[in-house]
Structure formats: structure tokens, C-alpha cells
Protein backbone atom coordinates (compact mmCIF):
# COMPACT_ATOMS: atom_id res chain seq x y z
CA UNK A 1 4.27 42.80 -10.52
CA UNK A 2 1.23 44.97 -9.70
CA UNK A 3 1.62 47.41 -12.59
CA UNK A 4 -1.87 47.67 -14.13
CA UNK A 5 -0.47 48.64 -17.54
CA UNK A 6 1.67 45.51 -17.64
CA UNK A 7 -1.33 43.30 -16.87
CA UNK A 8 -3.33 44.99 -19.62
CA UNK A 9 -0.51 44.39 -22.05
CA UNK A 10 -0.14 40.72 -21.06
CA UNK A 11 -3.88 40.18 -21.44
CA UNK A 12 -3.89 41.89 -24.84
CA UNK A 13 -0.97 39.72 -26.03
CA UNK A 14 -2.79 36.56 -24.91
CA UNK A 15 -6.05 37.56 -26.59
CA UNK A 16 -4.24 38.50 -29.78
CA UNK A 17 -3.06 34.90 -30.33
CA UNK A 18 -5.82 32.86 -28.68
CA UNK A 19 -5.21 29.52 -30.38
CA UNK A 20 -1.44 29.63 -29.90
CA UNK A 21 -1.85 30.60 -26.26
CA UNK A 22 -4.48 27.91 -25.68
CA UNK A 23 -2.30 25.16 -27.16
CA UNK A 24 0.69 26.31 -25.13
CA UNK A 25 -1.32 26.34 -21.92
CA UNK A 26 -2.77 22.92 -22.73
CA UNK A 27 0.74 21.44 -22.73
CA UNK A 28 1.34 22.83 -19.24
CA UNK A 29 -2.12 21.85 -18.02
CA UNK A 30 -1.75 18.31 -19.31
CA UNK A 31 1.64 17.87 -17.67
CA UNK A 32 0.39 18.73 -14.17
CA UNK A 33 -2.93 16.93 -14.64
CA UNK A 34 -1.19 13.75 -15.78
CA UNK A 35 1.34 13.84 -12.95
CA UNK A 36 -1.37 14.24 -10.30
CA UNK A 37 -3.46 11.51 -11.89
CA UNK A 38 -0.51 9.12 -11.94
CA UNK A 39 0.40 9.94 -8.33
CA UNK A 40 -3.19 9.53 -7.17
CA UNK A 41 -3.83 6.22 -8.95
CA UNK A 42 -0.43 4.94 -7.84
CA UNK A 43 -1.38 5.72 -4.24
CA UNK A 44 -4.69 3.93 -4.73
CA UNK A 45 -2.90 0.86 -6.04
CA UNK A 46 -0.43 0.99 -3.14
CA UNK A 47 -3.28 1.24 -0.61
CA UNK A 48 -5.13 -1.66 -2.19
CA UNK A 49 -2.15 -3.99 -2.36
CA UNK A 50 -0.72 -3.11 1.05
CA UNK A 51 -4.03 -3.27 2.91
CA UNK A 52 -3.63 -7.03 3.27
CA UNK A 53 -0.07 -6.54 4.55
CA UNK A 54 -1.28 -4.04 7.16
CA UNK A 55 -3.30 -6.81 8.79
CA UNK A 56 -0.13 -8.81 9.46
CA UNK A 57 2.53 -8.13 12.05
CA UNK A 58 5.41 -6.76 9.98
CA UNK A 59 8.27 -8.80 11.45
CA UNK A 60 6.58 -12.19 11.25
CA UNK A 61 6.44 -15.41 9.30
CA UNK A 62 5.60 -19.12 9.25
CA UNK A 63 7.50 -22.41 9.40
CA UNK A 64 5.99 -25.79 8.53
CA UNK A 65 7.19 -29.34 8.03
CA UNK A 66 7.70 -31.18 4.72
CA UNK A 67 9.67 -34.34 3.94
CA UNK A 68 13.40 -34.84 4.21
CA UNK A 69 15.36 -35.18 1.01
CA UNK A 70 18.77 -36.13 2.45
CA UNK A 71 19.82 -39.07 4.66
CA UNK A 72 21.13 -38.10 8.09
CA UNK A 73 22.44 -40.04 11.09
CA UNK A 74 21.25 -43.36 9.72
CA UNK A 75 17.78 -42.03 8.81
CA UNK A 76 16.56 -42.37 5.26
CA UNK A 77 15.23 -39.46 3.19
CA UNK A 78 11.48 -39.10 2.73
CA UNK A 79 10.59 -38.78 6.42
CA UNK A 80 7.60 -36.53 7.18
CA UNK A 81 8.50 -33.77 9.62
CA UNK A 82 5.85 -33.26 12.28
CA UNK A 83 5.91 -30.75 15.13
CA UNK A 84 4.70 -30.97 18.74
CA UNK A 85 4.39 -28.81 21.85
CA UNK A 86 7.88 -29.79 23.01
CA UNK A 87 9.26 -28.21 19.84
CA UNK A 88 7.32 -25.04 20.63
CA UNK A 89 8.74 -24.95 24.15
CA UNK A 90 12.31 -25.42 22.85
CA UNK A 91 11.88 -22.63 20.31
CA UNK A 92 10.55 -20.22 22.94
CA UNK A 93 13.37 -21.04 25.35
CA UNK A 94 16.26 -20.89 22.88
CA UNK A 95 15.51 -17.91 20.66
CA UNK A 96 15.98 -14.58 22.45
CA UNK A 97 14.84 -12.55 19.43
CA UNK A 98 11.42 -14.24 19.42
CA UNK A 99 8.57 -12.01 20.63
CA UNK A 100 5.67 -14.45 20.20
CA UNK A 101 5.17 -17.98 18.89
CA UNK A 102 1.83 -19.14 17.47
CA UNK A 103 1.65 -22.94 17.11
CA UNK A 104 -1.44 -24.00 15.12
CA UNK A 105 -3.42 -27.01 14.01
CA UNK A 106 -6.05 -27.19 11.28
CA UNK A 107 -8.89 -29.67 10.87
CA UNK A 108 -9.77 -31.05 7.47
CA UNK A 109 -8.02 -28.47 5.29
CA UNK A 110 -9.53 -25.22 3.99
CA UNK A 111 -13.32 -25.27 3.98
CA UNK A 112 -13.56 -28.44 6.01
CA UNK A 113 -16.27 -30.97 5.15
CA UNK A 114 -19.68 -30.05 6.64
CA UNK A 115 -17.96 -29.94 9.98
CA UNK A 116 -19.69 -27.00 11.72
CA UNK A 117 -23.24 -27.39 13.04
CA UNK A 118 -25.58 -24.99 14.79
CA UNK A 119 -29.16 -26.09 15.45
CA UNK A 120 -30.46 -27.55 12.21
CA UNK A 121 -27.86 -25.82 10.02
CA UNK A 122 -24.65 -27.45 8.82
CA UNK A 123 -21.83 -25.86 6.85
CA UNK A 124 -18.21 -26.40 5.86
CA UNK A 125 -15.67 -24.02 7.35
CA UNK A 126 -11.99 -24.10 8.28
CA UNK A 127 -11.41 -24.95 11.93
CA UNK A 128 -8.15 -23.97 13.63
CA UNK A 129 -6.62 -24.64 17.01
CA UNK A 130 -4.83 -21.44 18.06
CA UNK A 131 -3.19 -19.53 20.88
CA UNK A 132 -3.81 -15.81 21.65
CA UNK A 133 -0.61 -14.82 19.85
CA UNK A 134 -2.08 -15.73 16.47
CA UNK A 135 -4.31 -12.67 16.41
CA UNK A 136 -1.26 -10.56 17.11
CA UNK A 137 0.23 -12.12 14.00
CA UNK A 138 -2.90 -11.67 11.85
CA UNK A 139 -4.95 -8.80 13.24
CA UNK A 140 -8.75 -8.94 13.10
CA UNK A 141 -11.54 -6.70 14.39
CA UNK A 142 -13.98 -8.18 16.88
CA UNK A 143 -17.57 -7.11 16.22
CA UNK A 144 -18.94 -9.13 19.13
CA UNK A 145 -17.41 -10.69 22.20
CA UNK A 146 -13.71 -11.46 22.55
CA UNK A 147 -10.84 -13.55 21.26
CA UNK A 148 -8.97 -16.49 22.72
CA UNK A 149 -7.09 -15.63 25.93
CA UNK A 150 -4.26 -17.41 27.81
CA UNK A 151 -6.65 -18.85 30.39
CA UNK A 152 -8.69 -20.52 27.63
CA UNK A 153 -5.54 -22.30 26.49
CA UNK A 154 -4.31 -23.18 29.98
CA UNK A 155 -7.68 -24.63 31.05
CA UNK A 156 -8.46 -26.24 27.67
CA UNK A 157 -11.76 -24.44 27.51
CA UNK A 158 -14.11 -25.50 24.74
CA UNK A 159 -14.83 -22.01 23.44
CA UNK A 160 -14.91 -20.80 19.83
CA UNK A 161 -14.33 -17.54 17.98
CA UNK A 162 -16.13 -17.42 14.63
CA UNK A 163 -15.75 -15.32 11.50
CA UNK A 164 -18.52 -12.99 10.35
CA UNK A 165 -19.41 -15.27 7.44
CA UNK A 166 -19.85 -18.22 9.80
CA UNK A 167 -22.21 -16.04 11.82
CA UNK A 168 -24.17 -15.05 8.71
CA UNK A 169 -24.56 -18.60 7.41
CA UNK A 170 -25.40 -20.45 10.62
CA UNK A 171 -27.48 -17.90 12.51
CA UNK A 172 -30.75 -16.15 11.80
CA UNK A 173 -30.58 -12.49 10.88
CA UNK A 174 -30.10 -10.42 14.03
CA UNK A 175 -29.47 -13.45 16.24
CA UNK A 176 -26.71 -12.95 18.80
CA UNK A 177 -24.29 -15.91 18.68
CA UNK A 178 -22.48 -15.09 21.94
CA UNK A 179 -23.17 -17.81 24.49
CA UNK A 180 -24.59 -20.28 21.96
CA UNK A 181 -23.01 -23.65 21.20
CA UNK A 182 -21.78 -24.92 17.85
CA UNK A 183 -20.70 -28.48 17.11
CA UNK A 184 -17.28 -29.02 15.52
CA UNK A 185 -16.71 -32.59 14.31
CA UNK A 186 -19.21 -33.77 16.90
CA UNK A 187 -17.79 -31.74 19.83
CA UNK A 188 -19.67 -28.75 21.30
CA UNK A 189 -17.91 -25.40 21.70
CA UNK A 190 -19.32 -22.21 23.21
CA UNK A 191 -19.14 -19.13 20.94
CA UNK A 192 -17.49 -16.19 22.73
CA UNK A 193 -16.59 -13.88 19.84
CA UNK A 194 -17.27 -12.85 16.25
CA UNK A 195 -14.64 -11.13 14.13
CA UNK A 196 -14.28 -9.54 10.73
CA UNK A 197 -11.16 -9.43 8.59
CA UNK A 198 -8.95 -6.42 7.96
CA UNK A 199 -7.93 -7.88 4.62
CA UNK A 200 -9.71 -7.69 1.26
CA UNK A 201 -10.83 -9.98 -1.54
CA UNK A 202 -10.26 -13.74 -1.34
CA UNK A 203 -7.97 -13.38 1.66
CA UNK A 204 -10.72 -11.71 3.67
CA UNK A 205 -13.14 -14.41 2.51
CA UNK A 206 -10.87 -17.11 3.89
CA UNK A 207 -10.51 -15.27 7.18
CA UNK A 208 -14.21 -14.85 7.91
CA UNK A 209 -15.05 -18.43 6.88
CA UNK A 210 -13.12 -19.86 9.79
CA UNK A 211 -13.59 -20.97 13.39
CA UNK A 212 -10.82 -20.64 15.98
CA UNK A 213 -10.67 -22.63 19.22
CA UNK A 214 -7.94 -22.89 21.89
CA UNK A 215 -5.04 -25.05 20.68
CA UNK A 216 -5.06 -27.31 23.75
CA UNK A 217 -8.83 -27.85 23.56
CA UNK A 218 -8.56 -28.78 19.88
CA UNK A 219 -5.72 -31.22 20.58
CA UNK A 220 -7.76 -32.89 23.29
CA UNK A 221 -11.15 -32.86 21.54
CA UNK A 222 -9.87 -34.10 18.19
CA UNK A 223 -7.27 -36.61 19.44
CA UNK A 224 -4.26 -34.69 18.20
CA UNK A 225 -2.13 -35.32 21.30
CA UNK A 226 0.71 -32.77 21.36
CA UNK A 227 0.74 -32.46 17.59
CA UNK A 228 1.16 -29.11 15.84
CA UNK A 229 0.74 -28.48 12.09
CA UNK A 230 2.85 -25.35 11.76
CA UNK A 231 4.28 -22.34 13.59
CA UNK A 232 3.63 -18.65 13.18
CA UNK A 233 6.07 -16.25 14.81
CA UNK A 234 6.70 -12.57 15.53
CA UNK A 235 10.19 -11.15 16.00
CA UNK A 236 10.94 -8.66 18.76
CA UNK A 237 11.06 -4.98 17.91
CA UNK A 238 14.49 -4.21 16.50
CA UNK A 239 15.09 -7.83 15.49
CA UNK A 240 14.75 -9.29 12.02
CA UNK A 241 12.16 -11.90 11.11
CA UNK A 242 14.83 -13.55 8.96
CA UNK A 243 17.04 -14.09 12.02
CA UNK A 244 14.20 -15.65 14.01
CA UNK A 245 13.19 -17.78 11.03
CA UNK A 246 16.74 -19.09 10.60
CA UNK A 247 17.15 -19.89 14.29
CA UNK A 248 13.78 -21.65 14.40
CA UNK A 249 14.77 -23.90 11.53
CA UNK A 250 18.11 -24.64 13.19
CA UNK A 251 16.34 -25.69 16.42
CA UNK A 252 13.86 -27.85 14.52
CA UNK A 253 16.55 -29.48 12.38
CA UNK A 254 18.53 -30.39 15.46
CA UNK A 255 15.51 -31.79 17.30
CA UNK A 256 14.14 -33.70 14.30
CA UNK A 257 17.55 -34.90 13.09
CA UNK A 258 17.37 -33.20 9.72
CA UNK A 259 20.52 -32.75 7.65
CA UNK A 260 21.76 -29.13 8.01
CA UNK A 261 21.92 -28.82 4.21
CA UNK A 262 18.42 -30.22 3.61
CA UNK A 263 16.68 -27.04 2.45
CA UNK A 264 13.50 -28.84 1.41
CA UNK A 265 12.64 -30.49 4.72
CA UNK A 266 11.09 -27.32 6.15
CA UNK A 267 8.83 -24.81 4.44
CA UNK A 268 8.96 -21.18 5.50
CA UNK A 269 7.56 -17.80 4.59
CA UNK A 270 9.01 -14.51 5.80
CA UNK A 271 6.35 -11.79 5.71
CA UNK A 272 8.91 -9.10 6.53
CA UNK A 273 10.75 -9.84 3.28
CA UNK A 274 7.48 -9.82 1.33
CA UNK A 275 6.54 -6.49 2.89
CA UNK A 276 9.93 -4.95 2.14
CA UNK A 277 9.80 -6.14 -1.47
CA UNK A 278 6.34 -4.67 -1.91
CA UNK A 279 7.35 -1.38 -0.29
CA UNK A 280 10.44 -1.17 -2.51
CA UNK A 281 8.30 -1.84 -5.58
CA UNK A 282 5.89 0.99 -4.80
CA UNK A 283 8.67 3.38 -3.79
CA UNK A 284 10.25 2.71 -7.18
CA UNK A 285 6.89 3.20 -8.87
CA UNK A 286 6.43 6.53 -7.11
CA UNK A 287 9.85 7.76 -8.26
CA UNK A 288 9.02 6.61 -11.79
CA UNK A 289 5.74 8.55 -11.70
CA UNK A 290 7.59 11.66 -10.54
CA UNK A 291 10.13 11.17 -13.32
CA UNK A 292 7.41 10.85 -15.98
CA UNK A 293 5.37 13.69 -14.50
CA UNK A 294 8.29 16.11 -14.24
CA UNK A 295 9.32 15.18 -17.77
CA UNK A 296 5.83 16.03 -19.00
CA UNK A 297 5.89 19.28 -17.05
CA UNK A 298 9.29 20.10 -18.52
CA UNK A 299 7.91 19.55 -22.02
CA UNK A 300 5.10 22.00 -21.28
CA UNK A 301 7.50 24.56 -19.82
CA UNK A 302 9.78 24.25 -22.85
CA UNK A 303 6.72 24.91 -25.01
CA UNK A 304 6.08 28.11 -23.07
CA UNK A 305 9.72 29.15 -23.51
CA UNK A 306 9.52 28.59 -27.26
CA UNK A 307 6.32 30.59 -27.53
CA UNK A 308 7.85 33.43 -25.54
CA UNK A 309 10.82 33.47 -27.93
CA UNK A 310 8.34 33.85 -30.77
CA UNK A 311 6.57 36.62 -28.87
CA UNK A 312 9.86 38.46 -28.37
CA UNK A 313 10.68 38.13 -32.06
CA UNK A 314 7.24 39.45 -33.05
CA UNK A 315 7.57 42.40 -30.66
CA UNK A 316 11.16 43.33 -31.51
CA UNK A 317 10.17 46.76 -32.88
CA UNK A 318 7.91 47.45 -29.90
CA UNK A 319 10.65 46.48 -27.43
CA UNK A 320 13.15 48.69 -29.31
CA UNK A 321 10.81 51.67 -29.05
CA UNK A 322 10.38 51.00 -25.33
CA UNK A 323 14.14 50.98 -24.89
CA UNK A 324 14.48 54.16 -26.96
CA UNK A 325 12.04 56.11 -24.78
CA UNK A 326 13.74 55.02 -21.54
CA UNK A 327 12.53 51.55 -20.54
CA UNK A 328 15.16 49.78 -18.48
CA UNK A 329 16.34 46.23 -19.30
CA UNK A 330 14.88 45.10 -15.96
CA UNK A 331 11.39 46.31 -16.92
CA UNK A 332 11.61 44.37 -20.19
CA UNK A 333 12.81 41.22 -18.41
CA UNK A 334 10.06 41.38 -15.77
CA UNK A 335 7.39 41.88 -18.46
CA UNK A 336 8.41 38.74 -20.40
CA UNK A 337 8.92 36.62 -17.28
CA UNK A 338 5.59 37.78 -15.84
CA UNK A 339 3.78 36.77 -19.03
CA UNK A 340 5.44 33.32 -18.95
CA UNK A 341 4.52 32.85 -15.28
CA UNK A 342 0.91 33.87 -15.95
CA UNK A 343 0.60 31.25 -18.69
CA UNK A 344 2.14 28.43 -16.66
CA UNK A 345 0.49 29.32 -13.34
CA UNK A 346 -3.02 29.61 -14.77
CA UNK A 347 -2.71 26.43 -16.84
CA UNK A 348 -1.16 24.63 -13.88
CA UNK A 349 -3.90 25.75 -11.53
CA UNK A 350 -6.57 24.42 -13.89
CA UNK A 351 -4.63 21.15 -14.17
CA UNK A 352 -4.36 20.98 -10.37
CA UNK A 353 -8.10 21.47 -9.87
CA UNK A 354 -9.10 19.01 -12.56
CA UNK A 355 -6.54 16.40 -11.45
CA UNK A 356 -7.72 16.52 -7.83
CA UNK A 357 -11.33 16.48 -9.02
CA UNK A 358 -10.82 13.35 -11.11
CA UNK A 359 -8.98 11.60 -8.26
CA UNK A 360 -11.77 12.47 -5.83
CA UNK A 361 -14.34 11.16 -8.32
CA UNK A 362 -12.38 7.90 -8.57
CA UNK A 363 -12.33 7.73 -4.78
CA UNK A 364 -16.11 8.04 -4.65
CA UNK A 365 -16.63 5.44 -7.37
CA UNK A 366 -14.21 2.91 -5.91
CA UNK A 367 -15.32 3.36 -2.28
CA UNK A 368 -13.60 1.60 0.59
CA UNK A 369 -14.25 -2.06 -0.22
CA UNK A 370 -12.21 -2.56 -3.38
CA UNK A 371 -9.55 -5.23 -3.15
CA UNK A 372 -6.77 -3.96 -5.41
CA UNK A 373 -7.45 -0.22 -5.74
CA UNK A 374 -8.29 1.73 -2.60
CA UNK A 375 -8.49 5.42 -1.59
CA UNK A 376 -6.66 7.07 -4.52
CA UNK A 377 -5.36 10.41 -3.29
CA UNK A 378 -2.71 13.09 -3.59
CA UNK A 379 -1.67 14.79 -0.37
CA UNK A 380 -1.86 18.59 -0.09
CA UNK A 381 1.91 19.07 0.16
CA UNK A 382 2.49 17.13 -3.06
CA UNK A 383 -0.14 19.12 -4.93
CA UNK A 384 1.28 22.46 -3.75
CA UNK A 385 4.84 21.33 -4.49
CA UNK A 386 3.82 20.39 -8.03
CA UNK A 387 2.31 23.83 -8.60
CA UNK A 388 5.37 25.56 -7.11
CA UNK A 389 7.66 23.54 -9.39
CA UNK A 390 5.51 24.61 -12.31
CA UNK A 391 5.64 28.30 -11.39
CA UNK A 392 9.41 28.10 -10.98
CA UNK A 393 9.52 26.41 -14.36
CA UNK A 394 7.49 29.29 -15.76
CA UNK A 395 10.08 31.76 -14.45
CA UNK A 396 12.85 29.74 -16.07
CA UNK A 397 10.83 29.45 -19.27
CA UNK A 398 10.63 33.22 -19.53
CA UNK A 399 14.24 33.87 -18.54
CA UNK A 400 15.94 33.14 -21.88
CA UNK A 401 13.35 35.07 -23.96
CA UNK A 402 13.52 37.91 -21.43
CA UNK A 403 17.32 38.12 -21.67
CA UNK A 404 17.05 38.14 -25.42
CA UNK A 405 14.47 40.93 -25.27
CA UNK A 406 16.65 42.96 -22.88
CA UNK A 407 19.64 42.62 -25.21
CA UNK A 408 17.82 44.15 -28.19
CA UNK A 409 19.48 47.39 -29.32
CA UNK A 410 16.89 50.14 -29.88
CA UNK A 411 18.27 51.37 -33.23
CA UNK A 412 18.43 47.86 -34.77
CA UNK A 413 14.98 47.01 -33.45
CA UNK A 414 13.37 50.16 -34.89
CA UNK A 415 15.03 49.59 -38.27
CA UNK A 416 13.97 45.92 -38.47
């Protein structure tokens, strides 16, 4: 491996056929470069898409009421299904797999209707009545103050937690909103916290354009009685969100006298299933990228093998003379394999550097605020593994030509 004469000979062979060597190395370079680029951009796409999912509790979901479509126990179809606090209590008492329940109400739909006032400024934002568990379900980051706590709910405190966009629109630049009062549909609430979203794009926009108040205070202030619009839930660790979702709907159907086969009376969304589908999609995409990348690498390695066969054919006389003056078959094999490894390793190293460089450039251009493409990267182990696979491929690429060179009979080679 460290024979100076061998290295001189390899270098001379490469320089003798520059264009052929360059084209062969380009095939290897392109294979590794393309694989790293695909892996890096695939990771960026995964990060962008799954960032929104990371804000949610994994084993969670929602259940809401619709209208019945089947008659049941003398009741006609078409009944609107509405929830209340008694339903929430029954769900919490009867479902052992339930970790947290987040009953919610919403005022005026998304965006509201000029329903939030501070001083002389008025704006339209979504207003929700919530319990502390909701921000375990959808995680946010508090930039000022705090969130809703159990005592706020128990004492029906008129406090409010506002999104960062609400803060920006209603308050002067640099003004601290903590301790100030905003008016929601004519009722004053004290601001105790400001939060920003962990999500991106439109989802983040919806999050930060919202105001959250204690559920009980909202029910009292806005004449909602015990009414609840929908439920969020989190399953216990080790339990499935699908199990909790199914049991919740069973409890609600029994309490609201809904036909057991009426699948349209209740709406539901299982975030655990959505997360698993997304994870499966990107795992499949990653395997596909590896398949394409390794196929491209294999094509480059095969190109090296073909070129080395040509090299052996061109140097048949030289190899015969070597054998005639005492060169062992092993020395011939190591010479050919070493030349193949040099070609693949050098081309692969250039591909590795350029691939990582392009991915890092994309990372700098995209930044951290993109919604669908975020932090493209290739981890160190993957990069090294790719180069190792390539070097091993180079050894294999030189093996067949090397065996052919070692099998050359000196007399036949000299006479050719």
C-alpha cells in the first residue's frame, strides 16, 4: 500500500489517459454527490413537514359533534349533538387510558368579528375558552407571563393569554401587555401571558391570532352555561389514541342516545394516526433515496471496473513481463485494486465535500423560518458510511480486473 513505485505507476497511468480517467471519476463523484443531496433535501422536507406535528402531543386527537343520521330510541335523525361539562366528567371518570381531556369553546368562529378591544384599537381574533390541558395538547412557547392554570379555571378568573400577533396589533411597539385589560365581546379580561407558536406557515398564523381564556370564565361571561364545542384529548403513555378516541365516542353515543352504527353523528381526528402515516411516508422516502443513491453509486463503480478491465488489457504485455521477472500474482492484484480504490476514493471524497457544501448552502439560504423545507442536513455517520461503501465498492470494482491480470501467463502476454 505504501510502495512509492506503485504510487508513481498509478499516477502515471492516470495522467496517461486524463479524459478517460476524468469521465470515470465523474460517474463515481456524481453518484455520491447525488445521494447526499437527495438525503439532505429529504431530511429538510421531513423537518419542514413534521415541525407542525412536533408541536402536538403525539397520542392525541379531537372529537366534536355533528348531526345524527339514524333514528334511535324514538328520536328522529338530524339532531344536533352538543356537549357539556357533564359529558367531560363522564369521559374522565370512565376512560382509564385517558391522560388529559381538554374541553373547549370558541366564540364567533376563526377570526371573530372585531371582538377584541384594547384602548382605542379594535381587531378580529379567535377567542377560545380553554383548560390548562390544551397547551399540553398543542405546545406553545410563552414569551411573556404564563398560561392558564387550574386555579384560573376553578375560580372562573377573567384572565387572558394572547398570541404574539394579537400583541403586535393591539399594543404599541415595546409596550408590555402583562397586567393590562382587553375587552372580549364587551367583557374585560386581564392579560397574563403572551405566547408564540411552535408551528409554521398558516398554522402558526392561526395560533398567534388567538386569545385564550379559562373555560369556566368564558362560559359564564358569554352565557354558554355548561356548553362545550368540542373535546381535545391525550392518551396515557403506552396507550393508543385510537383506543381513547373509540371509548370517548362510545361514552358520548350512550349519553346522547346516538345509534351505535351512526358513524356520521360525531366527527373525530386522531393525530397519532396522522403522525404515524407521515413518519411511514418519510421512512419510505428515505429508503427510496438510499435505493436510488446506491444504484447510482453502483453504476459509477461498474464504470470503474470496466475501465480497469480496459487498463489490464492495454497493459497485458507489461504485466506478462512483470510476471516473467518474478512478480507474484498478489503484487499484480494489489496494484490493480489499489488503482481502482484511488479512483473511487478520490472521486467520492470530492463528491462528499461538494454534496455537504451544497446542503450547507441550502441550509443558509432557507434559514429556520421556512414552512415546508427546514434544516436540510446529512449526519456525519451517514456521510462516512457512504464513503466507506464507495471505497468497498472500489475494491470490488478492481477485484475482477485484478484476478484477470493475475491469471495472465507470461509467455502469452509477451507474445501478444
